[in-house]
Amino acid sequence: MPIYTYKCASCGFAQDEMQKMSDALLTVCPSCGKADYAKQVTAAGFALKGTGWYATDFKDSGSKPVAKAEAAAPACGTGACPACN
C-alpha cells in the first residue's frame, strides 16, 4: 500500500498515512479536528541500489551489436552476393 503525506493547513500537523489508492482522501485533521487536512505532493519514497541496473540493462552505447550472419557476409557490390549478380 502506498504511503501518503498529509498536512493540516490550520495547525500545521503533518503525518504519513498508509492508504489504498482507491481509498477516499482524508480531510479531517487528527490533531485539531478541522477539515483542513490535505494530501501533499512529495517525491517517490524509494531508491535504486546495486551495481546499476541502468548501466547493465538499458544503457545505449551508441552502436548496436552486429548479427553474426551480417558480420560474416561480404560487402554488397563485390559480386559475391546473389544481389550483385
N, C-alpha and C. Protein backbone atom coordinates (compact mmCIF):
# COMPACT_ATOMS: atom_id res chain seq x y z
N MET A 1 0.84 -1.18 0.00
CA MET A 1 0.00 0.00 0.00
C MET A 1 0.89 1.24 0.00
N PRO A 2 0.49 2.24 -0.75
CA PRO A 2 1.25 3.49 -0.78
C PRO A 2 1.15 4.27 0.53
N ILE A 3 2.16 5.04 0.80
CA ILE A 3 2.18 5.91 1.98
C ILE A 3 2.10 7.35 1.48
N TYR A 4 1.12 8.08 1.97
CA TYR A 4 0.92 9.47 1.56
C TYR A 4 1.21 10.39 2.74
N THR A 5 1.72 11.57 2.44
CA THR A 5 1.97 12.58 3.46
C THR A 5 0.82 13.57 3.46
N TYR A 6 0.25 13.79 4.63
CA TYR A 6 -0.84 14.75 4.81
C TYR A 6 -0.38 15.86 5.73
N LYS A 7 -0.95 17.06 5.54
CA LYS A 7 -0.62 18.20 6.40
C LYS A 7 -1.87 19.05 6.59
N CYS A 8 -2.04 19.52 7.81
CA CYS A 8 -3.18 20.38 8.15
C CYS A 8 -2.81 21.83 7.88
N ALA A 9 -3.65 22.52 7.14
CA ALA A 9 -3.40 23.94 6.84
C ALA A 9 -3.69 24.83 8.05
N SER A 10 -4.50 24.35 9.00
CA SER A 10 -4.85 25.16 10.17
C SER A 10 -3.79 25.11 11.25
N CYS A 11 -3.41 23.90 11.67
CA CYS A 11 -2.48 23.79 12.81
C CYS A 11 -1.07 23.37 12.42
N GLY A 12 -0.87 22.95 11.15
CA GLY A 12 0.47 22.56 10.69
C GLY A 12 0.85 21.12 10.99
N PHE A 13 -0.07 20.36 11.60
CA PHE A 13 0.20 18.95 11.91
C PHE A 13 0.43 18.18 10.61
N ALA A 14 1.50 17.37 10.56
CA ALA A 14 1.81 16.57 9.37
C ALA A 14 2.02 15.12 9.80
N GLN A 15 1.56 14.21 8.95
CA GLN A 15 1.68 12.79 9.28
C GLN A 15 1.62 11.97 7.98
N ASP A 16 2.34 10.84 7.96
CA ASP A 16 2.27 9.90 6.85
C ASP A 16 1.12 8.95 7.10
N GLU A 17 0.34 8.69 6.07
CA GLU A 17 -0.82 7.81 6.18
C GLU A 17 -0.71 6.71 5.15
N MET A 18 -0.89 5.44 5.57
CA MET A 18 -0.88 4.32 4.65
C MET A 18 -2.32 4.09 4.18
N GLN A 19 -2.53 4.20 2.86
CA GLN A 19 -3.87 4.06 2.29
C GLN A 19 -3.80 3.31 0.98
N LYS A 20 -4.90 2.67 0.64
CA LYS A 20 -5.03 2.10 -0.70
C LYS A 20 -5.21 3.25 -1.68
N MET A 21 -4.87 3.02 -2.93
CA MET A 21 -5.06 4.06 -3.94
C MET A 21 -6.54 4.36 -4.15
N SER A 22 -7.39 3.39 -3.88
CA SER A 22 -8.83 3.57 -4.06
C SER A 22 -9.51 4.22 -2.85
N ASP A 23 -8.81 4.37 -1.73
CA ASP A 23 -9.40 4.99 -0.53
C ASP A 23 -9.68 6.48 -0.77
N ALA A 24 -10.69 6.97 -0.11
CA ALA A 24 -11.02 8.40 -0.18
C ALA A 24 -9.95 9.21 0.53
N LEU A 25 -9.75 10.44 0.08
CA LEU A 25 -8.78 11.33 0.71
C LEU A 25 -9.21 11.66 2.13
N LEU A 26 -8.27 11.79 3.02
CA LEU A 26 -8.56 12.21 4.39
C LEU A 26 -8.70 13.72 4.40
N THR A 27 -9.67 14.23 5.14
CA THR A 27 -9.90 15.68 5.17
C THR A 27 -9.91 16.25 6.58
N VAL A 28 -10.18 15.43 7.60
CA VAL A 28 -10.28 15.91 8.98
C VAL A 28 -8.94 15.67 9.68
N CYS A 29 -8.36 16.72 10.23
CA CYS A 29 -7.08 16.65 10.93
C CYS A 29 -7.23 15.86 12.23
N PRO A 30 -6.37 14.85 12.45
CA PRO A 30 -6.47 14.09 13.70
C PRO A 30 -6.00 14.89 14.92
N SER A 31 -5.30 16.00 14.70
CA SER A 31 -4.79 16.80 15.81
C SER A 31 -5.80 17.86 16.27
N CYS A 32 -6.29 18.67 15.33
CA CYS A 32 -7.18 19.77 15.72
C CYS A 32 -8.64 19.53 15.37
N GLY A 33 -8.92 18.55 14.49
CA GLY A 33 -10.30 18.23 14.15
C GLY A 33 -10.89 19.07 13.03
N LYS A 34 -10.14 20.00 12.47
CA LYS A 34 -10.65 20.84 11.39
C LYS A 34 -10.53 20.11 10.05
N ALA A 35 -11.34 20.55 9.10
CA ALA A 35 -11.37 19.91 7.78
C ALA A 35 -10.34 20.54 6.83
N ASP A 36 -9.13 20.76 7.33
CA ASP A 36 -8.07 21.36 6.51
C ASP A 36 -6.90 20.39 6.29
N TYR A 37 -7.15 19.11 6.43
CA TYR A 37 -6.13 18.07 6.29
C TYR A 37 -6.05 17.70 4.81
N ALA A 38 -4.90 17.89 4.19
CA ALA A 38 -4.77 17.67 2.74
C ALA A 38 -3.52 16.86 2.40
N LYS A 39 -3.63 16.09 1.34
CA LYS A 39 -2.50 15.28 0.87
C LYS A 39 -1.47 16.19 0.21
N GLN A 40 -0.21 15.96 0.51
CA GLN A 40 0.89 16.76 -0.02
C GLN A 40 1.52 16.06 -1.23
N VAL A 41 2.14 16.83 -2.10
CA VAL A 41 2.90 16.27 -3.22
C VAL A 41 4.32 16.06 -2.72
N THR A 42 4.79 14.82 -2.78
CA THR A 42 6.13 14.50 -2.29
C THR A 42 6.88 13.68 -3.33
N ALA A 43 8.17 13.55 -3.13
CA ALA A 43 9.00 12.72 -4.01
C ALA A 43 8.73 11.24 -3.71
N ALA A 44 9.02 10.42 -4.69
CA ALA A 44 8.82 8.97 -4.52
C ALA A 44 9.72 8.47 -3.40
N GLY A 45 9.21 7.55 -2.61
CA GLY A 45 9.94 7.05 -1.45
C GLY A 45 10.70 5.76 -1.72
N PHE A 46 11.52 5.73 -2.77
CA PHE A 46 12.33 4.54 -3.00
C PHE A 46 13.64 4.96 -3.64
N ALA A 47 14.62 4.11 -3.56
CA ALA A 47 15.92 4.36 -4.17
C ALA A 47 16.41 3.09 -4.84
N LEU A 48 16.99 3.24 -6.01
CA LEU A 48 17.54 2.09 -6.71
C LEU A 48 18.95 1.88 -6.20
N LYS A 49 19.25 0.67 -5.76
CA LYS A 49 20.57 0.38 -5.22
C LYS A 49 21.18 -0.79 -5.97
N GLY A 50 22.47 -0.91 -5.88
CA GLY A 50 23.15 -2.03 -6.53
C GLY A 50 24.23 -1.54 -7.48
N THR A 51 24.60 -2.39 -8.39
CA THR A 51 25.69 -2.06 -9.30
C THR A 51 25.25 -1.21 -10.47
N GLY A 52 23.97 -1.00 -10.64
CA GLY A 52 23.49 -0.11 -11.70
C GLY A 52 22.68 -0.82 -12.75
N TRP A 53 21.42 -0.99 -12.50
CA TRP A 53 20.56 -1.67 -13.47
C TRP A 53 20.53 -0.92 -14.79
N TYR A 54 20.61 0.40 -14.76
CA TYR A 54 20.55 1.20 -15.98
C TYR A 54 21.78 0.93 -16.84
N ALA A 55 22.95 0.92 -16.24
CA ALA A 55 24.19 0.73 -16.99
C ALA A 55 24.29 -0.67 -17.58
N THR A 56 23.72 -1.65 -16.91
CA THR A 56 23.85 -3.02 -17.40
C THR A 56 22.69 -3.47 -18.26
N ASP A 57 21.53 -2.88 -18.13
CA ASP A 57 20.37 -3.39 -18.84
C ASP A 57 19.84 -2.48 -19.94
N PHE A 58 19.85 -1.19 -19.75
CA PHE A 58 19.16 -0.31 -20.69
C PHE A 58 20.03 0.76 -21.32
N LYS A 59 21.25 0.88 -20.91
CA LYS A 59 22.10 1.96 -21.42
C LYS A 59 22.42 1.71 -22.88
N ASP A 60 22.25 2.72 -23.71
CA ASP A 60 22.55 2.63 -25.13
C ASP A 60 23.98 3.12 -25.33
N SER A 61 24.84 2.24 -25.82
CA SER A 61 26.24 2.61 -26.01
C SER A 61 26.46 3.37 -27.30
N GLY A 62 25.40 3.58 -28.08
CA GLY A 62 25.55 4.35 -29.31
C GLY A 62 25.66 3.47 -30.53
N SER A 63 25.99 2.21 -30.39
CA SER A 63 26.07 1.31 -31.53
C SER A 63 25.34 0.02 -31.19
N LYS A 64 24.74 -0.56 -32.19
CA LYS A 64 24.02 -1.80 -31.99
C LYS A 64 24.93 -2.97 -32.36
N PRO A 65 24.83 -4.08 -31.65
CA PRO A 65 25.66 -5.22 -31.99
C PRO A 65 25.30 -5.76 -33.37
N VAL A 66 26.30 -6.18 -34.11
CA VAL A 66 26.10 -6.71 -35.45
C VAL A 66 25.79 -8.20 -35.34
N ALA A 67 24.76 -8.64 -36.04
CA ALA A 67 24.40 -10.05 -36.03
C ALA A 67 25.51 -10.85 -36.70
N LYS A 68 25.68 -12.11 -36.28
CA LYS A 68 26.75 -12.94 -36.82
C LYS A 68 26.60 -13.14 -38.32
N ALA A 69 25.37 -13.31 -38.81
CA ALA A 69 25.16 -13.52 -40.24
C ALA A 69 25.57 -12.29 -41.04
N GLU A 70 25.28 -11.11 -40.50
CA GLU A 70 25.67 -9.87 -41.19
C GLU A 70 27.16 -9.67 -41.16
N ALA A 71 27.80 -10.03 -40.09
CA ALA A 71 29.24 -9.84 -39.96
C ALA A 71 30.00 -10.77 -40.90
N ALA A 72 29.48 -11.98 -41.15
CA ALA A 72 30.16 -12.95 -41.98
C ALA A 72 29.93 -12.70 -43.47
N ALA A 73 28.86 -12.00 -43.83
CA ALA A 73 28.55 -11.76 -45.24
C ALA A 73 29.48 -10.70 -45.82
N PRO A 74 29.93 -10.90 -47.05
CA PRO A 74 30.79 -9.89 -47.68
C PRO A 74 29.99 -8.64 -48.01
N ALA A 75 30.68 -7.55 -48.21
CA ALA A 75 30.03 -6.28 -48.53
C ALA A 75 29.37 -6.36 -49.90
N CYS A 76 28.21 -5.78 -50.01
CA CYS A 76 27.48 -5.80 -51.28
C CYS A 76 28.25 -4.92 -52.29
N GLY A 77 28.19 -5.29 -53.54
CA GLY A 77 28.89 -4.54 -54.57
C GLY A 77 30.18 -5.22 -55.00
N THR A 78 30.55 -6.30 -54.33
CA THR A 78 31.78 -7.00 -54.70
C THR A 78 31.51 -8.15 -55.67
N GLY A 79 30.23 -8.45 -55.95
CA GLY A 79 29.90 -9.55 -56.84
C GLY A 79 29.82 -10.88 -56.13
N ALA A 80 29.97 -10.89 -54.83
CA ALA A 80 29.96 -12.13 -54.08
C ALA A 80 28.58 -12.53 -53.59
N CYS A 81 27.61 -11.64 -53.63
CA CYS A 81 26.28 -11.99 -53.14
C CYS A 81 25.30 -12.11 -54.30
N PRO A 82 24.19 -12.81 -54.10
CA PRO A 82 23.20 -13.01 -55.18
C PRO A 82 22.61 -11.67 -55.67
N ALA A 83 22.57 -10.67 -54.86
CA ALA A 83 22.01 -9.38 -55.28
C ALA A 83 22.89 -8.68 -56.29
N CYS A 84 24.19 -8.96 -56.25
CA CYS A 84 25.12 -8.30 -57.18
C CYS A 84 25.16 -8.96 -58.55
N ASN A 85 24.72 -10.19 -58.66
CA ASN A 85 24.80 -10.92 -59.94
C ASN A 85 23.69 -10.54 -60.87
